[in-house]
């Protein structure tokens, strides 16, 4: 029996059936039409849907397994990099060995692009792409779940109700991650905490580390040894510009002034779209060192992950300019000044703090 059938990515023999179902899903076709032809008159939508379906059917006919699907994704990634970034740099990737399964524990700024940039770097360097942890809160539309699982995503059941159901979900997730890494030698990507670090402060949630341990704890394996089995590699992803910065600031500002923030139904999907098509400037992905020290407790592991993620974060000109502006000094960056001129006045300090925090974290820890 496949104990992970409801959370794992799709297997090669499932790809053709899932793609056929997607092509025949009106919600999926309508979403593509709305995205690519947003400015076209509404009366053209029906004709465009027929054309999109015809083109997609031709495209998916070339895809027979997960690898060929990801090769198609890579071509879209290359196009996106050309149009939305000025440069993408990878640091520390030469330390990774082929045919090893690593647990990439990453800071989290963008829902889709964080694992996508990690994946692209691995692909360019001849390493196996990652299995991506994705919360079920992002999968409210079935076609989104199908697309993600085709791209080697596995599901984190955040919507589990009650302690018993939640512990069962965490146990299954821990078993799947351990099985992927130690039995199948597959790479895993997972964020260091639930949700994006909207304030620019990168901090690991101890619950993530405790979840990793659950599977091996049942086998009476000591915590330090269990962590070594997982080959945890902290990853720091740095964007010169965050396409969702003003939206994140709006949420933070509303929470601070009213105490609450209510997400729109498909707000996360819109954030994914903005993250893909929005301006990013320079992107730097830094792979840290495998944590094989004797971290005896979850708190010790959290401290080491945070030290590496914060210390390896590549400080950009925007981080430096924001820190200067917060101190009342000239930005020293005309491009960033023009960018901030577009920011609503009530969000200005929140946005500046968001950009400055990675630098401030390094300074507070003496890591820069």
Foldseek 3Di string as FASTA:
>chain_A
DPLQVQFWFDFLQCLLVLLVVLLVDPVNLLVVCCVPVVPDDPVCSVVSSVVSSVVSVVVCVVDRGLVVVVVVVLVLVVVLCVQFEPAEAEAPPVVDDALAAAEEAEAFAAQPVVLVSVQNVCVVVVHARAQEEDECLQCPDPNVVNVNSSNNYTYQDPVQDDDVRNVVSLQSVLQVLLCCRQVVRHYHYDYQDPDHPLQQQGFHDLVVLVSNCNNCVVVVDASLVSLLSNQYKYKAKDFLDQLCNLVSLVQVLCCVVPVDDDDDSNNSVVSNVSRRNHHGYYMYMYIGGGPNPRQRDSVSVRVVSSCGRLLVHDQDLLLQLLVQVVVVHHSPDVVNVVVLVPHPPSSSNSSSSSSNVSVVVCVVVVRD
